[in-house]
Amino acid sequence: MPQDCVLDKITEQRISCPNCGHHIFITIDPTAGDQDYYDECSACCNDIHLNMHIDEYRQKVQLAIDTDNE
């Protein structure tokens, strides 16, 4: 589920856990470049795979969120 936010700003983004649907907030820091990491859902304790891509042409951050199984 891709989501966009503005480049050059550290922002807090609300996402839904792909495992249980619980809404959580994550901090997006585009200053570190493209990132691929895992976070844990505070409700179901399952891993959430986050893949962040910096689209400098459009000045956007694209965030893909999926389960550890996908």
C-alpha atoms as a PDB file:
ATOM      1  CA  MET A   1       0.000   0.000   0.000  1.00  0.00           C
ATOM      2  CA  PRO A   2       2.044   2.995  -1.215  1.00  0.00           C
ATOM      3  CA  GLN A   3       1.727   6.296   0.591  1.00  0.00           C
ATOM      4  CA  ASP A   4       3.293   9.681  -0.196  1.00  0.00           C
ATOM      5  CA  CYS A   5       4.617  12.483   1.988  1.00  0.00           C
ATOM      6  CA  VAL A   6       6.563  15.658   1.249  1.00  0.00           C
ATOM      7  CA  LEU A   7      10.332  15.483   0.744  1.00  0.00           C
ATOM      8  CA  ASP A   8      12.716  17.427   3.045  1.00  0.00           C
ATOM      9  CA  LYS A   9      10.473  17.164   6.109  1.00  0.00           C
ATOM     10  CA  ILE A  10      10.566  14.719   8.972  1.00  0.00           C
ATOM     11  CA  THR A  11       6.930  13.805   9.391  1.00  0.00           C
ATOM     12  CA  GLU A  12       4.786  11.437  11.352  1.00  0.00           C
ATOM     13  CA  GLN A  13       2.665   9.206   9.131  1.00  0.00           C
ATOM     14  CA  ARG A  14      -0.394   7.211  10.203  1.00  0.00           C
ATOM     15  CA  ILE A  15      -0.406   3.713   8.704  1.00  0.00           C
ATOM     16  CA  SER A  16      -2.495   0.575   9.118  1.00  0.00           C
ATOM     17  CA  CYS A  17      -0.794  -2.641  10.183  1.00  0.00           C
ATOM     18  CA  PRO A  18      -1.008  -5.047   7.218  1.00  0.00           C
ATOM     19  CA  ASN A  19      -1.384  -7.933   9.689  1.00  0.00           C
ATOM     20  CA  CYS A  20      -4.191  -6.763  11.993  1.00  0.00           C
ATOM     21  CA  GLY A  21      -5.357  -3.378  10.622  1.00  0.00           C
ATOM     22  CA  HIS A  22      -4.449  -1.452  13.803  1.00  0.00           C
ATOM     23  CA  HIS A  23      -3.518   2.187  13.107  1.00  0.00           C
ATOM     24  CA  ILE A  24      -0.041   3.204  14.236  1.00  0.00           C
ATOM     25  CA  PHE A  25       2.133   6.272  13.721  1.00  0.00           C
ATOM     26  CA  ILE A  26       5.642   6.036  12.290  1.00  0.00           C
ATOM     27  CA  THR A  27       8.264   8.739  11.787  1.00  0.00           C
ATOM     28  CA  ILE A  28       9.371   9.323   8.201  1.00  0.00           C
ATOM     29  CA  ASP A  29      12.871  10.805   7.754  1.00  0.00           C
ATOM     30  CA  PRO A  30      13.604  11.330   4.033  1.00  0.00           C
ATOM     31  CA  THR A  31      16.982  12.963   4.744  1.00  0.00           C
ATOM     32  CA  ALA A  32      18.582   9.498   5.098  1.00  0.00           C
ATOM     33  CA  GLY A  33      17.681   8.473   1.510  1.00  0.00           C
ATOM     34  CA  ASP A  34      15.983   5.240   0.411  1.00  0.00           C
ATOM     35  CA  GLN A  35      15.334   2.872   3.316  1.00  0.00           C
ATOM     36  CA  ASP A  36      14.168  -0.720   3.712  1.00  0.00           C
ATOM     37  CA  TYR A  37      13.399  -1.737   7.290  1.00  0.00           C
ATOM     38  CA  TYR A  38      11.064  -3.562   9.657  1.00  0.00           C
ATOM     39  CA  ASP A  39       9.011  -2.239  12.548  1.00  0.00           C
ATOM     40  CA  GLU A  40       6.787  -4.088  14.996  1.00  0.00           C
ATOM     41  CA  CYS A  41       3.055  -3.472  15.382  1.00  0.00           C
ATOM     42  CA  SER A  42       2.247  -2.404  18.930  1.00  0.00           C
ATOM     43  CA  ALA A  43      -1.088  -4.261  18.816  1.00  0.00           C
ATOM     44  CA  CYS A  44      -0.289  -7.675  17.295  1.00  0.00           C
ATOM     45  CA  CYS A  45       3.542  -7.698  17.704  1.00  0.00           C
ATOM     46  CA  ASN A  46       4.019  -8.882  14.090  1.00  0.00           C
ATOM     47  CA  ASP A  47       6.670  -7.382  11.848  1.00  0.00           C
ATOM     48  CA  ILE A  48       5.732  -4.680   9.334  1.00  0.00           C
ATOM     49  CA  HIS A  49       7.988  -4.328   6.291  1.00  0.00           C
ATOM     50  CA  LEU A  50       8.500  -0.687   5.282  1.00  0.00           C
ATOM     51  CA  ASN A  51      10.199   0.277   2.031  1.00  0.00           C
ATOM     52  CA  MET A  52      10.774   4.007   1.547  1.00  0.00           C
ATOM     53  CA  HIS A  53      11.840   5.430  -1.816  1.00  0.00           C
ATOM     54  CA  ILE A  54      12.812   9.063  -2.378  1.00  0.00           C
ATOM     55  CA  ASP A  55      11.367  10.377  -5.673  1.00  0.00           C
ATOM     56  CA  GLU A  56      13.457  13.519  -6.125  1.00  0.00           C
ATOM     57  CA  TYR A  57      11.892  14.359  -9.497  1.00  0.00           C
ATOM     58  CA  ARG A  58       8.404  14.677  -7.965  1.00  0.00           C
ATOM     59  CA  GLN A  59       9.737  15.797  -4.549  1.00  0.00           C
ATOM     60  CA  LYS A  60       7.832  12.988  -2.805  1.00  0.00           C
ATOM     61  CA  VAL A  61       8.573  10.087  -0.520  1.00  0.00           C
ATOM     62  CA  GLN A  62       6.922   6.814  -1.537  1.00  0.00           C
ATOM     63  CA  LEU A  63       6.311   4.383   1.310  1.00  0.00           C
ATOM     64  CA  ALA A  64       5.346   0.756   0.610  1.00  0.00           C
ATOM     65  CA  ILE A  65       4.019  -1.232   3.564  1.00  0.00           C
ATOM     66  CA  ASP A  66       3.492  -4.993   3.680  1.00  0.00           C
ATOM     67  CA  THR A  67       3.743  -8.002   5.942  1.00  0.00           C
ATOM     68  CA  ASP A  68       6.914  -9.966   6.561  1.00  0.00           C
ATOM     69  CA  ASN A  69       5.346 -12.846   4.574  1.00  0.00           C
ATOM     70  CA  GLU A  70       4.912 -10.970   1.274  1.00  0.00           C
END
